[in-house]
């Protein structure tokens, strides 16, 4: 399984602008992954999202406590934000191989309609 570190490295999206890549990816992700029937891959992706979030939040808090820093709402919120972004990144990388065929369909449909 190849890992695509950015949307630009996905062959179907490489020729598009950054804004177009993001829009195509988000639309396909929403339609064919979030709202689709659960599969092993999708359940694994959701678990990876949660575990990444949990590891960053719990690990960051543990490290700060070990360094003698007291936790505050702002630090906890920052860790939660970073954890959510990292979790969504991991989730998206797991979803890309499933979405690749849908990217092509979405792009062709948009080109026909002039969007």
N, C-alpha and C. Protein backbone atom coordinates (compact mmCIF):
# COMPACT_ATOMS: atom_id res chain seq x y z
N UNK A 1 0.84 -1.18 0.00
CA UNK A 1 0.00 0.00 0.00
C UNK A 1 0.89 1.24 0.00
N UNK A 2 0.66 2.09 -0.96
CA UNK A 2 1.44 3.32 -1.04
C UNK A 2 0.80 4.39 -0.17
N UNK A 3 1.63 5.15 0.51
CA UNK A 3 1.13 6.25 1.34
C UNK A 3 1.36 7.55 0.60
N UNK A 4 0.31 8.32 0.45
CA UNK A 4 0.39 9.62 -0.20
C UNK A 4 0.48 10.68 0.89
N UNK A 5 1.63 11.33 0.99
CA UNK A 5 1.86 12.29 2.06
C UNK A 5 1.16 13.62 1.83
N UNK A 6 0.81 13.88 0.59
CA UNK A 6 0.07 15.10 0.29
C UNK A 6 -0.91 14.78 -0.83
N UNK A 7 -1.90 15.62 -0.99
CA UNK A 7 -2.87 15.40 -2.06
C UNK A 7 -2.21 15.59 -3.43
N UNK A 8 -1.16 16.41 -3.49
CA UNK A 8 -0.47 16.62 -4.76
C UNK A 8 0.24 15.36 -5.24
N UNK A 9 0.59 14.45 -4.32
CA UNK A 9 1.26 13.22 -4.72
C UNK A 9 0.30 12.14 -5.21
N UNK A 10 -1.00 12.39 -5.13
CA UNK A 10 -2.00 11.46 -5.65
C UNK A 10 -2.11 11.70 -7.16
N UNK A 11 -1.84 10.69 -7.99
CA UNK A 11 -1.80 10.91 -9.44
C UNK A 11 -3.06 11.56 -10.01
N UNK A 12 -4.23 11.18 -9.52
CA UNK A 12 -5.48 11.73 -10.05
C UNK A 12 -5.66 13.21 -9.72
N UNK A 13 -5.00 13.69 -8.69
CA UNK A 13 -5.16 15.07 -8.24
C UNK A 13 -3.98 15.97 -8.59
N UNK A 14 -2.89 15.39 -9.07
CA UNK A 14 -1.64 16.13 -9.26
C UNK A 14 -1.78 17.32 -10.20
N UNK A 15 -2.60 17.21 -11.22
CA UNK A 15 -2.71 18.29 -12.22
C UNK A 15 -3.60 19.45 -11.76
N UNK A 16 -4.30 19.27 -10.66
CA UNK A 16 -5.23 20.30 -10.19
C UNK A 16 -4.52 21.32 -9.31
N UNK A 17 -5.16 22.47 -9.14
CA UNK A 17 -4.62 23.46 -8.22
C UNK A 17 -4.85 22.98 -6.78
N UNK A 18 -4.17 23.61 -5.85
CA UNK A 18 -4.29 23.22 -4.44
C UNK A 18 -5.75 23.29 -3.96
N UNK A 19 -6.42 24.37 -4.33
CA UNK A 19 -7.81 24.56 -3.94
C UNK A 19 -8.71 23.47 -4.55
N UNK A 20 -8.49 23.16 -5.82
CA UNK A 20 -9.28 22.13 -6.49
C UNK A 20 -9.02 20.76 -5.87
N UNK A 21 -7.74 20.44 -5.58
CA UNK A 21 -7.40 19.15 -4.95
C UNK A 21 -8.14 19.00 -3.63
N UNK A 22 -8.09 20.04 -2.82
CA UNK A 22 -8.74 19.99 -1.51
C UNK A 22 -10.25 19.81 -1.65
N UNK A 23 -10.85 20.53 -2.60
CA UNK A 23 -12.29 20.44 -2.79
C UNK A 23 -12.71 19.05 -3.26
N UNK A 24 -11.98 18.50 -4.25
CA UNK A 24 -12.28 17.17 -4.75
C UNK A 24 -12.13 16.13 -3.63
N UNK A 25 -11.03 16.23 -2.89
CA UNK A 25 -10.78 15.28 -1.80
C UNK A 25 -11.88 15.36 -0.74
N UNK A 26 -12.22 16.56 -0.31
CA UNK A 26 -13.23 16.72 0.74
C UNK A 26 -14.60 16.23 0.29
N UNK A 27 -14.98 16.53 -0.95
CA UNK A 27 -16.27 16.07 -1.46
C UNK A 27 -16.32 14.54 -1.55
N UNK A 28 -15.26 13.93 -2.08
CA UNK A 28 -15.22 12.47 -2.19
C UNK A 28 -15.15 11.82 -0.81
N UNK A 29 -14.39 12.39 0.09
CA UNK A 29 -14.29 11.86 1.45
C UNK A 29 -15.65 11.90 2.12
N UNK A 30 -16.33 13.01 1.99
CA UNK A 30 -17.65 13.15 2.60
C UNK A 30 -18.63 12.13 2.01
N UNK A 31 -18.67 12.01 0.72
CA UNK A 31 -19.66 11.17 0.05
C UNK A 31 -19.34 9.67 0.15
N UNK A 32 -18.07 9.31 -0.03
CA UNK A 32 -17.73 7.90 -0.17
C UNK A 32 -17.01 7.29 1.03
N UNK A 33 -16.83 8.06 2.09
CA UNK A 33 -16.17 7.50 3.28
C UNK A 33 -16.97 7.82 4.53
N UNK A 34 -17.26 9.09 4.78
CA UNK A 34 -17.99 9.45 5.99
C UNK A 34 -19.42 8.96 5.96
N UNK A 35 -20.09 9.10 4.83
CA UNK A 35 -21.50 8.74 4.72
C UNK A 35 -21.72 7.34 4.16
N UNK A 36 -20.67 6.61 3.91
CA UNK A 36 -20.78 5.27 3.32
C UNK A 36 -20.93 4.21 4.42
N UNK A 37 -21.31 3.03 4.00
CA UNK A 37 -21.44 1.91 4.91
C UNK A 37 -20.08 1.59 5.53
N UNK A 38 -20.08 1.19 6.77
CA UNK A 38 -18.82 0.90 7.48
C UNK A 38 -18.13 -0.32 6.88
N UNK A 39 -16.81 -0.19 6.73
CA UNK A 39 -15.96 -1.29 6.28
C UNK A 39 -14.81 -1.43 7.28
N UNK A 40 -14.02 -2.47 7.12
CA UNK A 40 -12.87 -2.62 8.02
C UNK A 40 -11.93 -1.43 7.91
N UNK A 41 -11.72 -0.97 6.68
CA UNK A 41 -10.81 0.15 6.48
C UNK A 41 -11.36 1.42 7.13
N UNK A 42 -12.65 1.67 6.98
CA UNK A 42 -13.22 2.90 7.56
C UNK A 42 -13.21 2.83 9.08
N UNK A 43 -13.52 1.68 9.64
CA UNK A 43 -13.47 1.53 11.10
C UNK A 43 -12.03 1.71 11.59
N UNK A 44 -11.08 1.12 10.85
CA UNK A 44 -9.67 1.30 11.19
C UNK A 44 -9.23 2.75 11.11
N UNK A 45 -9.74 3.47 10.10
CA UNK A 45 -9.40 4.88 9.94
C UNK A 45 -9.94 5.70 11.11
N UNK A 46 -11.18 5.40 11.52
CA UNK A 46 -11.75 6.12 12.67
C UNK A 46 -10.98 5.79 13.95
N UNK A 47 -10.59 4.54 14.11
CA UNK A 47 -9.80 4.17 15.29
C UNK A 47 -8.45 4.86 15.27
N UNK A 48 -7.82 4.95 14.10
CA UNK A 48 -6.53 5.64 13.98
C UNK A 48 -6.68 7.12 14.31
N UNK A 49 -7.77 7.73 13.87
CA UNK A 49 -8.03 9.13 14.19
C UNK A 49 -8.12 9.31 15.70
N UNK A 50 -8.92 8.48 16.34
CA UNK A 50 -9.09 8.59 17.79
C UNK A 50 -7.79 8.32 18.54
N UNK A 51 -7.07 7.26 18.14
CA UNK A 51 -5.82 6.93 18.84
C UNK A 51 -4.77 8.02 18.66
N UNK A 52 -4.67 8.58 17.47
CA UNK A 52 -3.72 9.67 17.24
C UNK A 52 -4.05 10.85 18.13
N UNK A 53 -5.33 11.21 18.16
CA UNK A 53 -5.78 12.30 19.02
C UNK A 53 -5.44 12.01 20.48
N UNK A 54 -5.78 10.81 20.94
CA UNK A 54 -5.56 10.44 22.34
C UNK A 54 -4.08 10.44 22.69
N UNK A 55 -3.25 9.88 21.83
CA UNK A 55 -1.81 9.79 22.10
C UNK A 55 -1.21 11.19 22.21
N UNK A 56 -1.60 12.09 21.32
CA UNK A 56 -1.04 13.44 21.36
C UNK A 56 -1.50 14.19 22.61
N UNK A 57 -2.78 14.09 22.93
CA UNK A 57 -3.30 14.80 24.09
C UNK A 57 -2.73 14.22 25.38
N UNK A 58 -2.83 12.91 25.55
CA UNK A 58 -2.35 12.27 26.78
C UNK A 58 -0.83 12.34 26.87
N UNK A 59 -0.15 12.08 25.75
CA UNK A 59 1.31 12.13 25.76
C UNK A 59 1.83 13.53 26.02
N UNK A 60 1.21 14.52 25.38
CA UNK A 60 1.63 15.90 25.61
C UNK A 60 1.42 16.34 27.04
N UNK A 61 0.29 15.95 27.60
CA UNK A 61 0.00 16.29 29.00
C UNK A 61 0.98 15.60 29.94
N UNK A 62 1.30 14.34 29.65
CA UNK A 62 2.25 13.59 30.47
C UNK A 62 3.64 14.22 30.42
N UNK A 63 4.06 14.59 29.24
CA UNK A 63 5.38 15.22 29.08
C UNK A 63 5.43 16.55 29.83
N UNK A 64 4.39 17.35 29.70
CA UNK A 64 4.36 18.63 30.40
C UNK A 64 4.38 18.44 31.91
N UNK A 65 3.65 17.45 32.39
CA UNK A 65 3.64 17.16 33.83
C UNK A 65 5.01 16.70 34.28
N UNK A 66 5.67 15.87 33.49
CA UNK A 66 7.01 15.38 33.83
C UNK A 66 8.02 16.52 33.87
N UNK A 67 7.79 17.55 33.07
CA UNK A 67 8.67 18.72 33.06
C UNK A 67 8.33 19.71 34.17
N UNK A 68 7.29 19.40 34.94
CA UNK A 68 6.91 20.25 36.05
C UNK A 68 6.00 21.40 35.68
N UNK A 69 5.44 21.38 34.48
CA UNK A 69 4.53 22.44 34.05
C UNK A 69 3.11 22.06 34.45
N UNK A 70 2.37 23.03 34.89
CA UNK A 70 0.98 22.77 35.22
C UNK A 70 0.13 22.92 33.96
N UNK A 71 -0.86 22.08 33.87
CA UNK A 71 -1.74 22.11 32.71
C UNK A 71 -2.78 23.21 32.88
N UNK A 72 -3.08 23.88 31.80
CA UNK A 72 -4.11 24.91 31.82
C UNK A 72 -5.11 24.61 30.71
N UNK A 73 -6.18 25.35 30.70
CA UNK A 73 -7.19 25.18 29.66
C UNK A 73 -6.59 25.46 28.29
N UNK A 74 -5.72 26.47 28.21
CA UNK A 74 -5.11 26.84 26.93
C UNK A 74 -4.17 25.76 26.42
N UNK A 75 -3.39 25.20 27.30
CA UNK A 75 -2.47 24.13 26.89
C UNK A 75 -3.26 22.90 26.47
N UNK A 76 -4.26 22.54 27.25
CA UNK A 76 -5.10 21.38 26.91
C UNK A 76 -5.82 21.60 25.59
N UNK A 77 -6.32 22.81 25.38
CA UNK A 77 -7.00 23.13 24.12
C UNK A 77 -6.03 23.06 22.94
N UNK A 78 -4.82 23.55 23.14
CA UNK A 78 -3.80 23.48 22.10
C UNK A 78 -3.44 22.05 21.74
N UNK A 79 -3.27 21.22 22.76
CA UNK A 79 -2.97 19.80 22.52
C UNK A 79 -4.13 19.12 21.81
N UNK A 80 -5.37 19.46 22.21
CA UNK A 80 -6.55 18.87 21.56
C UNK A 80 -6.61 19.28 20.09
N UNK A 81 -6.31 20.54 19.81
CA UNK A 81 -6.32 21.03 18.43
C UNK A 81 -5.26 20.32 17.59
N UNK A 82 -4.05 20.22 18.11
CA UNK A 82 -2.97 19.53 17.40
C UNK A 82 -3.32 18.06 17.21
N UNK A 83 -3.87 17.44 18.25
CA UNK A 83 -4.27 16.04 18.15
C UNK A 83 -5.35 15.82 17.11
N UNK A 84 -6.32 16.74 17.05
CA UNK A 84 -7.38 16.62 16.06
C UNK A 84 -6.84 16.77 14.64
N UNK A 85 -5.95 17.73 14.43
CA UNK A 85 -5.35 17.90 13.09
C UNK A 85 -4.54 16.68 12.68
N UNK A 86 -3.72 16.18 13.60
CA UNK A 86 -2.92 14.99 13.30
C UNK A 86 -3.82 13.78 13.04
N UNK A 87 -4.86 13.63 13.83
CA UNK A 87 -5.79 12.52 13.64
C UNK A 87 -6.50 12.59 12.30
N UNK A 88 -6.92 13.78 11.90
CA UNK A 88 -7.57 13.94 10.60
C UNK A 88 -6.59 13.67 9.45
N UNK A 89 -5.33 14.04 9.64
CA UNK A 89 -4.32 13.76 8.63
C UNK A 89 -4.16 12.25 8.45
N UNK A 90 -4.02 11.52 9.55
CA UNK A 90 -3.87 10.06 9.49
C UNK A 90 -5.12 9.44 8.87
N UNK A 91 -6.29 9.89 9.30
CA UNK A 91 -7.56 9.40 8.77
C UNK A 91 -7.61 9.58 7.24
N UNK A 92 -7.24 10.76 6.80
CA UNK A 92 -7.28 11.06 5.37
C UNK A 92 -6.31 10.19 4.58
N UNK A 93 -5.12 9.94 5.12
CA UNK A 93 -4.14 9.11 4.41
C UNK A 93 -4.62 7.68 4.29
N UNK A 94 -5.38 7.20 5.26
CA UNK A 94 -5.94 5.85 5.18
C UNK A 94 -7.06 5.81 4.14
N UNK A 95 -7.80 6.89 4.00
CA UNK A 95 -8.95 6.95 3.09
C UNK A 95 -8.56 7.13 1.63
N UNK A 96 -7.44 7.76 1.35
CA UNK A 96 -7.06 8.10 -0.03
C UNK A 96 -7.08 6.90 -0.98
N UNK A 97 -6.50 5.73 -0.63
CA UNK A 97 -6.55 4.61 -1.58
C UNK A 97 -7.97 4.18 -1.94
N UNK A 98 -8.90 4.30 -1.02
CA UNK A 98 -10.29 3.96 -1.30
C UNK A 98 -10.92 5.01 -2.21
N UNK A 99 -10.52 6.25 -2.06
CA UNK A 99 -11.14 7.36 -2.79
C UNK A 99 -10.58 7.58 -4.19
N UNK A 100 -9.43 7.03 -4.50
CA UNK A 100 -8.79 7.32 -5.79
C UNK A 100 -9.70 7.09 -7.00
N UNK A 101 -10.45 6.00 -7.07
CA UNK A 101 -11.36 5.85 -8.23
C UNK A 101 -12.44 6.93 -8.28
N UNK A 102 -12.88 7.39 -7.14
CA UNK A 102 -13.93 8.41 -7.08
C UNK A 102 -13.41 9.79 -7.46
N UNK A 103 -12.13 10.04 -7.23
CA UNK A 103 -11.54 11.31 -7.64
C UNK A 103 -11.72 11.51 -9.14
N UNK A 104 -11.37 10.49 -9.90
CA UNK A 104 -11.45 10.57 -11.36
C UNK A 104 -12.89 10.84 -11.80
N UNK A 105 -13.86 10.12 -11.22
CA UNK A 105 -15.26 10.32 -11.57
C UNK A 105 -15.71 11.75 -11.23
N UNK A 106 -15.33 12.22 -10.06
CA UNK A 106 -15.73 13.55 -9.61
C UNK A 106 -15.15 14.62 -10.53
N UNK A 107 -13.89 14.49 -10.89
CA UNK A 107 -13.23 15.47 -11.76
C UNK A 107 -13.88 15.48 -13.14
N UNK A 108 -14.15 14.29 -13.70
CA UNK A 108 -14.79 14.22 -15.03
C UNK A 108 -16.17 14.82 -15.00
N UNK A 109 -16.94 14.56 -13.96
CA UNK A 109 -18.28 15.11 -13.84
C UNK A 109 -18.24 16.64 -13.72
N UNK A 110 -17.30 17.14 -12.93
CA UNK A 110 -17.16 18.60 -12.77
C UNK A 110 -16.76 19.27 -14.10
N UNK A 111 -15.87 18.61 -14.85
CA UNK A 111 -15.42 19.20 -16.12
C UNK A 111 -16.56 19.26 -17.11
N UNK A 112 -17.42 18.24 -17.11
CA UNK A 112 -18.57 18.24 -18.03
C UNK A 112 -19.55 19.35 -17.69
N UNK A 113 -19.69 19.63 -16.41
CA UNK A 113 -20.64 20.64 -15.97
C UNK A 113 -20.01 22.04 -15.89
N UNK A 114 -18.73 22.13 -16.16
CA UNK A 114 -18.06 23.42 -16.19
C UNK A 114 -17.83 24.05 -14.84
N UNK A 115 -17.77 23.23 -13.78
CA UNK A 115 -17.58 23.75 -12.42
C UNK A 115 -16.11 23.87 -12.14
